[in-house]
Amino acid sequence: MPVVLWSGYLHWKHRFRGGFTRLFLTKIVCGACLQVQAPVCTIWFLMDPDIALRPPPGYVVCHLVMLGDGAVAGFLGGRLVFSRHRD
């Protein structure tokens, strides 16, 4: 995740000249949430490997929120990359 965030930051600065819109804010927030949640879930799993067999609701919610964050960030990234009409 740190490499993804860093390369996204560099691309944002270079290609979009650091323009700050709601789209970029949403991508940054989603990336930051993933950056925090992924280690939490990983450490939780490393402390209790059997959690995968019968996951508590909090563990499942953490993974679902990460899935949503990644989906939103990816969707918005796709809009940025493929936003131009090709003739």
PDB file of N, CA and C in Angstrom:
ATOM      1  N   MET A   1       0.807  -1.197   0.000  1.00  0.00           N
ATOM      2  CA  MET A   1       0.000   0.000   0.000  1.00  0.00           C
ATOM      3  C   MET A   1       0.856   1.270   0.000  1.00  0.00           C
ATOM      4  N   PRO A   2       1.950   1.319   0.735  1.00  0.00           N
ATOM      5  CA  PRO A   2       2.755   2.548   0.693  1.00  0.00           C
ATOM      6  C   PRO A   2       3.269   2.871  -0.712  1.00  0.00           C
ATOM      7  N   VAL A   3       3.652   1.847  -1.466  1.00  0.00           N
ATOM      8  CA  VAL A   3       4.144   2.084  -2.827  1.00  0.00           C
ATOM      9  C   VAL A   3       3.012   2.604  -3.718  1.00  0.00           C
ATOM     10  N   VAL A   4       1.833   2.045  -3.564  1.00  0.00           N
ATOM     11  CA  VAL A   4       0.674   2.498  -4.340  1.00  0.00           C
ATOM     12  C   VAL A   4       0.352   3.950  -4.008  1.00  0.00           C
ATOM     13  N   LEU A   5       0.345   4.283  -2.732  1.00  0.00           N
ATOM     14  CA  LEU A   5       0.053   5.666  -2.333  1.00  0.00           C
ATOM     15  C   LEU A   5       1.118   6.628  -2.847  1.00  0.00           C
ATOM     16  N   TRP A   6       2.378   6.231  -2.764  1.00  0.00           N
ATOM     17  CA  TRP A   6       3.461   7.106  -3.214  1.00  0.00           C
ATOM     18  C   TRP A   6       3.413   7.313  -4.725  1.00  0.00           C
ATOM     19  N   SER A   7       3.209   6.249  -5.482  1.00  0.00           N
ATOM     20  CA  SER A   7       3.154   6.395  -6.939  1.00  0.00           C
ATOM     21  C   SER A   7       1.915   7.190  -7.353  1.00  0.00           C
ATOM     22  N   GLY A   8       0.813   7.004  -6.641  1.00  0.00           N
ATOM     23  CA  GLY A   8      -0.387   7.802  -6.926  1.00  0.00           C
ATOM     24  C   GLY A   8      -0.152   9.271  -6.643  1.00  0.00           C
ATOM     25  N   TYR A   9       0.552   9.561  -5.579  1.00  0.00           N
ATOM     26  CA  TYR A   9       0.875  10.954  -5.244  1.00  0.00           C
ATOM     27  C   TYR A   9       1.741  11.584  -6.332  1.00  0.00           C
ATOM     28  N   LEU A  10       2.771  10.864  -6.771  1.00  0.00           N
ATOM     29  CA  LEU A  10       3.656  11.392  -7.808  1.00  0.00           C
ATOM     30  C   LEU A  10       2.907  11.606  -9.119  1.00  0.00           C
ATOM     31  N   HIS A  11       2.041  10.659  -9.465  1.00  0.00           N
ATOM     32  CA  HIS A  11       1.261  10.777 -10.688  1.00  0.00           C
ATOM     33  C   HIS A  11       0.298  11.967 -10.602  1.00  0.00           C
ATOM     34  N   TRP A  12      -0.308  12.136  -9.449  1.00  0.00           N
ATOM     35  CA  TRP A  12      -1.227  13.257  -9.230  1.00  0.00           C
ATOM     36  C   TRP A  12      -0.485  14.585  -9.378  1.00  0.00           C
ATOM     37  N   LYS A  13       0.693  14.685  -8.804  1.00  0.00           N
ATOM     38  CA  LYS A  13       1.478  15.914  -8.898  1.00  0.00           C
ATOM     39  C   LYS A  13       1.930  16.181 -10.333  1.00  0.00           C
ATOM     40  N   HIS A  14       2.340  15.118 -11.050  1.00  0.00           N
ATOM     41  CA  HIS A  14       2.886  15.289 -12.391  1.00  0.00           C
ATOM     42  C   HIS A  14       1.781  15.480 -13.436  1.00  0.00           C
ATOM     43  N   ARG A  15       0.840  14.550 -13.502  1.00  0.00           N
ATOM     44  CA  ARG A  15      -0.171  14.580 -14.565  1.00  0.00           C
ATOM     45  C   ARG A  15      -1.271  15.595 -14.304  1.00  0.00           C
ATOM     46  N   PHE A  16      -1.700  15.721 -13.070  1.00  0.00           N
ATOM     47  CA  PHE A  16      -2.834  16.588 -12.746  1.00  0.00           C
ATOM     48  C   PHE A  16      -2.408  17.877 -12.054  1.00  0.00           C
ATOM     49  N   ARG A  17      -1.101  18.093 -11.976  1.00  0.00           N
ATOM     50  CA  ARG A  17      -0.525  19.307 -11.389  1.00  0.00           C
ATOM     51  C   ARG A  17      -1.040  19.582  -9.969  1.00  0.00           C
ATOM     52  N   GLY A  18      -1.309  18.535  -9.241  1.00  0.00           N
ATOM     53  CA  GLY A  18      -1.720  18.670  -7.850  1.00  0.00           C
ATOM     54  C   GLY A  18      -3.090  19.291  -7.667  1.00  0.00           C
ATOM     55  N   GLY A  19      -3.926  19.225  -8.699  1.00  0.00           N
ATOM     56  CA  GLY A  19      -5.276  19.775  -8.580  1.00  0.00           C
ATOM     57  C   GLY A  19      -6.055  19.056  -7.492  1.00  0.00           C
ATOM     58  N   PHE A  20      -6.702  19.816  -6.646  1.00  0.00           N
ATOM     59  CA  PHE A  20      -7.393  19.219  -5.500  1.00  0.00           C
ATOM     60  C   PHE A  20      -8.892  19.303  -5.718  1.00  0.00           C
ATOM     61  N   THR A  21      -9.480  18.170  -6.099  1.00  0.00           N
ATOM     62  CA  THR A  21     -10.925  18.095  -6.302  1.00  0.00           C
ATOM     63  C   THR A  21     -11.505  17.058  -5.354  1.00  0.00           C
ATOM     64  N   ARG A  22     -12.810  16.947  -5.367  1.00  0.00           N
ATOM     65  CA  ARG A  22     -13.469  15.974  -4.499  1.00  0.00           C
ATOM     66  C   ARG A  22     -13.076  14.545  -4.883  1.00  0.00           C
ATOM     67  N   LEU A  23     -12.850  14.325  -6.173  1.00  0.00           N
ATOM     68  CA  LEU A  23     -12.435  13.004  -6.641  1.00  0.00           C
ATOM     69  C   LEU A  23     -11.096  12.606  -6.018  1.00  0.00           C
ATOM     70  N   PHE A  24     -10.140  13.517  -6.051  1.00  0.00           N
ATOM     71  CA  PHE A  24      -8.826  13.218  -5.476  1.00  0.00           C
ATOM     72  C   PHE A  24      -8.908  13.072  -3.957  1.00  0.00           C
ATOM     73  N   LEU A  25      -9.709  13.902  -3.329  1.00  0.00           N
ATOM     74  CA  LEU A  25      -9.886  13.795  -1.874  1.00  0.00           C
ATOM     75  C   LEU A  25     -10.441  12.421  -1.507  1.00  0.00           C
ATOM     76  N   THR A  26     -11.430  11.955  -2.272  1.00  0.00           N
ATOM     77  CA  THR A  26     -12.022  10.644  -2.004  1.00  0.00           C
ATOM     78  C   THR A  26     -10.991   9.537  -2.187  1.00  0.00           C
ATOM     79  N   LYS A  27     -10.193   9.616  -3.267  1.00  0.00           N
ATOM     80  CA  LYS A  27      -9.152   8.604  -3.481  1.00  0.00           C
ATOM     81  C   LYS A  27      -8.120   8.613  -2.347  1.00  0.00           C
ATOM     82  N   ILE A  28      -7.743   9.787  -1.890  1.00  0.00           N
ATOM     83  CA  ILE A  28      -6.761   9.898  -0.807  1.00  0.00           C
ATOM     84  C   ILE A  28      -7.316   9.315   0.485  1.00  0.00           C
ATOM     85  N   VAL A  29      -8.565   9.617   0.786  1.00  0.00           N
ATOM     86  CA  VAL A  29      -9.189   9.086   2.008  1.00  0.00           C
ATOM     87  C   VAL A  29      -9.303   7.569   1.932  1.00  0.00           C
ATOM     88  N   CYS A  30      -9.732   7.044   0.775  1.00  0.00           N
ATOM     89  CA  CYS A  30      -9.833   5.591   0.621  1.00  0.00           C
ATOM     90  C   CYS A  30      -8.469   4.922   0.778  1.00  0.00           C
ATOM     91  N   GLY A  31      -7.436   5.505   0.184  1.00  0.00           N
ATOM     92  CA  GLY A  31      -6.088   4.957   0.314  1.00  0.00           C
ATOM     93  C   GLY A  31      -5.583   4.995   1.741  1.00  0.00           C
ATOM     94  N   ALA A  32      -5.858   6.087   2.437  1.00  0.00           N
ATOM     95  CA  ALA A  32      -5.431   6.205   3.834  1.00  0.00           C
ATOM     96  C   ALA A  32      -6.158   5.178   4.711  1.00  0.00           C
ATOM     97  N   CYS A  33      -7.446   4.995   4.461  1.00  0.00           N
ATOM     98  CA  CYS A  33      -8.201   4.000   5.239  1.00  0.00           C
ATOM     99  C   CYS A  33      -7.650   2.597   5.007  1.00  0.00           C
ATOM    100  N   LEU A  34      -7.348   2.277   3.757  1.00  0.00           N
ATOM    101  CA  LEU A  34      -6.744   0.972   3.471  1.00  0.00           C
ATOM    102  C   LEU A  34      -5.400   0.819   4.162  1.00  0.00           C
ATOM    103  N   GLN A  35      -4.619   1.890   4.162  1.00  0.00           N
ATOM    104  CA  GLN A  35      -3.297   1.871   4.784  1.00  0.00           C
ATOM    105  C   GLN A  35      -3.389   1.571   6.278  1.00  0.00           C
ATOM    106  N   VAL A  36      -4.452   2.004   6.910  1.00  0.00           N
ATOM    107  CA  VAL A  36      -4.639   1.769   8.345  1.00  0.00           C
ATOM    108  C   VAL A  36      -5.277   0.407   8.601  1.00  0.00           C
ATOM    109  N   GLN A  37      -6.285   0.063   7.817  1.00  0.00           N
ATOM    110  CA  GLN A  37      -7.046  -1.160   8.083  1.00  0.00           C
ATOM    111  C   GLN A  37      -6.285  -2.439   7.748  1.00  0.00           C
ATOM    112  N   ALA A  38      -5.486  -2.424   6.701  1.00  0.00           N
ATOM    113  CA  ALA A  38      -4.778  -3.643   6.296  1.00  0.00           C
ATOM    114  C   ALA A  38      -3.855  -4.169   7.406  1.00  0.00           C
ATOM    115  N   PRO A  39      -3.015  -3.323   8.018  1.00  0.00           N
ATOM    116  CA  PRO A  39      -2.189  -3.853   9.109  1.00  0.00           C
ATOM    117  C   PRO A  39      -3.013  -4.315  10.312  1.00  0.00           C
ATOM    118  N   VAL A  40      -4.121  -3.633  10.576  1.00  0.00           N
ATOM    119  CA  VAL A  40      -4.970  -4.042  11.704  1.00  0.00           C
ATOM    120  C   VAL A  40      -5.477  -5.462  11.470  1.00  0.00           C
ATOM    121  N   CYS A  41      -6.024  -5.725  10.288  1.00  0.00           N
ATOM    122  CA  CYS A  41      -6.530  -7.070   9.991  1.00  0.00           C
ATOM    123  C   CYS A  41      -5.408  -8.100   9.953  1.00  0.00           C
ATOM    124  N   THR A  42      -4.257  -7.715   9.447  1.00  0.00           N
ATOM    125  CA  THR A  42      -3.125  -8.643   9.378  1.00  0.00           C
ATOM    126  C   THR A  42      -2.639  -9.010  10.774  1.00  0.00           C
ATOM    127  N   ILE A  43      -2.466  -8.018  11.610  1.00  0.00           N
ATOM    128  CA  ILE A  43      -2.016  -8.281  12.990  1.00  0.00           C
ATOM    129  C   ILE A  43      -3.047  -9.099  13.745  1.00  0.00           C
ATOM    130  N   TRP A  44      -4.330  -8.762  13.532  1.00  0.00           N
ATOM    131  CA  TRP A  44      -5.407  -9.514  14.171  1.00  0.00           C
ATOM    132  C   TRP A  44      -5.320 -10.983  13.760  1.00  0.00           C
ATOM    133  N   PHE A  45      -5.097 -11.252  12.469  1.00  0.00           N
ATOM    134  CA  PHE A  45      -4.984 -12.626  11.992  1.00  0.00           C
ATOM    135  C   PHE A  45      -3.733 -13.312  12.550  1.00  0.00           C
ATOM    136  N   LEU A  46      -2.604 -12.594  12.588  1.00  0.00           N
ATOM    137  CA  LEU A  46      -1.373 -13.196  13.099  1.00  0.00           C
ATOM    138  C   LEU A  46      -1.477 -13.538  14.582  1.00  0.00           C
ATOM    139  N   MET A  47      -2.245 -12.751  15.321  1.00  0.00           N
ATOM    140  CA  MET A  47      -2.431 -13.031  16.743  1.00  0.00           C
ATOM    141  C   MET A  47      -3.368 -14.218  16.962  1.00  0.00           C
ATOM    142  N   ASP A  48      -4.311 -14.431  16.023  1.00  0.00           N
ATOM    143  CA  ASP A  48      -5.276 -15.513  16.154  1.00  0.00           C
ATOM    144  C   ASP A  48      -5.566 -16.104  14.774  1.00  0.00           C
ATOM    145  N   PRO A  49      -4.724 -17.018  14.283  1.00  0.00           N
ATOM    146  CA  PRO A  49      -4.911 -17.577  12.939  1.00  0.00           C
ATOM    147  C   PRO A  49      -6.244 -18.308  12.748  1.00  0.00           C
ATOM    148  N   ASP A  50      -6.824 -18.804  13.836  1.00  0.00           N
ATOM    149  CA  ASP A  50      -8.103 -19.512  13.727  1.00  0.00           C
ATOM    150  C   ASP A  50      -9.272 -18.566  13.481  1.00  0.00           C
ATOM    151  N   ILE A  51      -9.010 -17.272  13.457  1.00  0.00           N
ATOM    152  CA  ILE A  51     -10.079 -16.297  13.246  1.00  0.00           C
ATOM    153  C   ILE A  51     -10.709 -16.469  11.864  1.00  0.00           C
ATOM    154  N   ALA A  52      -9.955 -17.024  10.926  1.00  0.00           N
ATOM    155  CA  ALA A  52     -10.471 -17.226   9.574  1.00  0.00           C
ATOM    156  C   ALA A  52     -11.544 -18.313   9.541  1.00  0.00           C
ATOM    157  N   LEU A  53     -11.514 -19.222  10.508  1.00  0.00           N
ATOM    158  CA  LEU A  53     -12.506 -20.300  10.538  1.00  0.00           C
ATOM    159  C   LEU A  53     -13.859 -19.810  11.035  1.00  0.00           C
ATOM    160  N   ARG A  54     -13.855 -18.981  12.051  1.00  0.00           N
ATOM    161  CA  ARG A  54     -15.093 -18.400  12.596  1.00  0.00           C
ATOM    162  C   ARG A  54     -14.853 -16.926  12.889  1.00  0.00           C
ATOM    163  N   PRO A  55     -14.885 -16.113  11.833  1.00  0.00           N
ATOM    164  CA  PRO A  55     -14.561 -14.696  12.034  1.00  0.00           C
ATOM    165  C   PRO A  55     -15.665 -13.954  12.793  1.00  0.00           C
ATOM    166  N   PRO A  56     -15.270 -13.135  13.762  1.00  0.00           N
ATOM    167  CA  PRO A  56     -16.262 -12.307  14.453  1.00  0.00           C
ATOM    168  C   PRO A  56     -16.743 -11.198  13.512  1.00  0.00           C
ATOM    169  N   PRO A  57     -17.898 -10.628  13.815  1.00  0.00           N
ATOM    170  CA  PRO A  57     -18.460  -9.591  12.935  1.00  0.00           C
ATOM    171  C   PRO A  57     -17.506  -8.415  12.677  1.00  0.00           C
ATOM    172  N   GLY A  58     -16.754  -8.002  13.679  1.00  0.00           N
ATOM    173  CA  GLY A  58     -15.831  -6.883  13.506  1.00  0.00           C
ATOM    174  C   GLY A  58     -14.755  -7.173  12.474  1.00  0.00           C
ATOM    175  N   TYR A  59     -14.277  -8.402  12.457  1.00  0.00           N
ATOM    176  CA  TYR A  59     -13.245  -8.814  11.504  1.00  0.00           C
ATOM    177  C   TYR A  59     -13.807  -8.809  10.080  1.00  0.00           C
ATOM    178  N   VAL A  60     -15.012  -9.306   9.939  1.00  0.00           N
ATOM    179  CA  VAL A  60     -15.668  -9.335   8.628  1.00  0.00           C
ATOM    180  C   VAL A  60     -15.945  -7.916   8.145  1.00  0.00           C
ATOM    181  N   VAL A  61     -16.434  -7.072   9.028  1.00  0.00           N
ATOM    182  CA  VAL A  61     -16.726  -5.684   8.656  1.00  0.00           C
ATOM    183  C   VAL A  61     -15.452  -4.968   8.229  1.00  0.00           C
ATOM    184  N   CYS A  62     -14.358  -5.202   8.942  1.00  0.00           N
ATOM    185  CA  CYS A  62     -13.083  -4.577   8.587  1.00  0.00           C
ATOM    186  C   CYS A  62     -12.676  -4.967   7.169  1.00  0.00           C
ATOM    187  N   HIS A  63     -12.828  -6.229   6.818  1.00  0.00           N
ATOM    188  CA  HIS A  63     -12.491  -6.681   5.472  1.00  0.00           C
ATOM    189  C   HIS A  63     -13.458  -6.115   4.431  1.00  0.00           C
ATOM    190  N   LEU A  64     -14.730  -6.042   4.756  1.00  0.00           N
ATOM    191  CA  LEU A  64     -15.697  -5.493   3.806  1.00  0.00           C
ATOM    192  C   LEU A  64     -15.473  -4.003   3.563  1.00  0.00           C
ATOM    193  N   VAL A  65     -15.102  -3.283   4.604  1.00  0.00           N
ATOM    194  CA  VAL A  65     -14.797  -1.858   4.435  1.00  0.00           C
ATOM    195  C   VAL A  65     -13.545  -1.694   3.579  1.00  0.00           C
ATOM    196  N   MET A  66     -12.543  -2.547   3.799  1.00  0.00           N
ATOM    197  CA  MET A  66     -11.344  -2.495   2.957  1.00  0.00           C
ATOM    198  C   MET A  66     -11.699  -2.786   1.503  1.00  0.00           C
ATOM    199  N   LEU A  67     -12.575  -3.758   1.279  1.00  0.00           N
ATOM    200  CA  LEU A  67     -13.014  -4.083  -0.072  1.00  0.00           C
ATOM    201  C   LEU A  67     -13.709  -2.881  -0.713  1.00  0.00           C
ATOM    202  N   GLY A  68     -14.573  -2.235   0.049  1.00  0.00           N
ATOM    203  CA  GLY A  68     -15.257  -1.051  -0.458  1.00  0.00           C
ATOM    204  C   GLY A  68     -14.297   0.088  -0.753  1.00  0.00           C
ATOM    205  N   ASP A  69     -13.349   0.310   0.144  1.00  0.00           N
ATOM    206  CA  ASP A  69     -12.347   1.367  -0.076  1.00  0.00           C
ATOM    207  C   ASP A  69     -11.550   1.112  -1.352  1.00  0.00           C
ATOM    208  N   GLY A  70     -11.102  -0.114  -1.528  1.00  0.00           N
ATOM    209  CA  GLY A  70     -10.339  -0.459  -2.720  1.00  0.00           C
ATOM    210  C   GLY A  70     -11.169  -0.346  -3.987  1.00  0.00           C
ATOM    211  N   ALA A  71     -12.448  -0.735  -3.907  1.00  0.00           N
ATOM    212  CA  ALA A  71     -13.322  -0.651  -5.074  1.00  0.00           C
ATOM    213  C   ALA A  71     -13.566   0.801  -5.472  1.00  0.00           C
ATOM    214  N   VAL A  72     -13.835   1.644  -4.488  1.00  0.00           N
ATOM    215  CA  VAL A  72     -14.081   3.060  -4.784  1.00  0.00           C
ATOM    216  C   VAL A  72     -12.825   3.711  -5.353  1.00  0.00           C
ATOM    217  N   ALA A  73     -11.687   3.484  -4.722  1.00  0.00           N
ATOM    218  CA  ALA A  73     -10.436   4.069  -5.210  1.00  0.00           C
ATOM    219  C   ALA A  73     -10.109   3.569  -6.620  1.00  0.00           C
ATOM    220  N   GLY A  74     -10.322   2.290  -6.867  1.00  0.00           N
ATOM    221  CA  GLY A  74     -10.065   1.736  -8.195  1.00  0.00           C
ATOM    222  C   GLY A  74     -11.016   2.283  -9.239  1.00  0.00           C
ATOM    223  N   PHE A  75     -12.276   2.412  -8.887  1.00  0.00           N
ATOM    224  CA  PHE A  75     -13.262   2.964  -9.811  1.00  0.00           C
ATOM    225  C   PHE A  75     -12.914   4.400 -10.183  1.00  0.00           C
ATOM    226  N   LEU A  76     -12.576   5.192  -9.170  1.00  0.00           N
ATOM    227  CA  LEU A  76     -12.213   6.583  -9.434  1.00  0.00           C
ATOM    228  C   LEU A  76     -10.919   6.674 -10.238  1.00  0.00           C
ATOM    229  N   GLY A  77      -9.987   5.789  -9.977  1.00  0.00           N
ATOM    230  CA  GLY A  77      -8.760   5.753 -10.762  1.00  0.00           C
ATOM    231  C   GLY A  77      -9.044   5.409 -12.215  1.00  0.00           C
ATOM    232  N   GLY A  78      -9.961   4.491 -12.433  1.00  0.00           N
ATOM    233  CA  GLY A  78     -10.362   4.155 -13.789  1.00  0.00           C
ATOM    234  C   GLY A  78     -11.006   5.325 -14.502  1.00  0.00           C
ATOM    235  N   ARG A  79     -11.797   6.089 -13.762  1.00  0.00           N
ATOM    236  CA  ARG A  79     -12.395   7.288 -14.363  1.00  0.00           C
ATOM    237  C   ARG A  79     -11.336   8.292 -14.763  1.00  0.00           C
ATOM    238  N   LEU A  80     -10.287   8.407 -13.959  1.00  0.00           N
ATOM    239  CA  LEU A  80      -9.213   9.330 -14.298  1.00  0.00           C
ATOM    240  C   LEU A  80      -8.436   8.862 -15.527  1.00  0.00           C
ATOM    241  N   VAL A  81      -8.166   7.582 -15.596  1.00  0.00           N
ATOM    242  CA  VAL A  81      -7.361   7.059 -16.696  1.00  0.00           C
ATOM    243  C   VAL A  81      -8.147   7.023 -18.001  1.00  0.00           C
ATOM    244  N   PHE A  82      -9.405   6.622 -17.931  1.00  0.00           N
ATOM    245  CA  PHE A  82     -10.193   6.430 -19.143  1.00  0.00           C
ATOM    246  C   PHE A  82     -11.242   7.519 -19.342  1.00  0.00           C
ATOM    247  N   SER A  83     -11.004   8.714 -18.852  1.00  0.00           N
ATOM    248  CA  SER A  83     -12.010   9.769 -18.935  1.00  0.00           C
ATOM    249  C   SER A  83     -12.068  10.433 -20.304  1.00  0.00           C
ATOM    250  N   ARG A  84     -11.002  10.348 -21.063  1.00  0.00           N
ATOM    251  CA  ARG A  84     -10.981  10.998 -22.374  1.00  0.00           C
ATOM    252  C   ARG A  84     -11.642  10.117 -23.423  1.00  0.00           C
ATOM    253  N   HIS A  85     -12.428  10.751 -24.270  1.00  0.00           N
ATOM    254  CA  HIS A  85     -13.042  10.016 -25.376  1.00  0.00           C
ATOM    255  C   HIS A  85     -11.999   9.770 -26.467  1.00  0.00           C
ATOM    256  N   ARG A  86     -11.972   8.586 -26.952  1.00  0.00           N
ATOM    257  CA  ARG A  86     -11.005   8.234 -27.993  1.00  0.00           C
ATOM    258  C   ARG A  86     -11.705   8.260 -29.345  1.00  0.00           C
ATOM    259  N   ASP A  87     -11.106   8.939 -30.295  1.00  0.00           N
ATOM    260  CA  ASP A  87     -11.694   9.028 -31.640  1.00  0.00           C
ATOM    261  C   ASP A  87     -11.150   7.976 -32.543  1.00  0.00           C
TER     262      ASP A  87
END
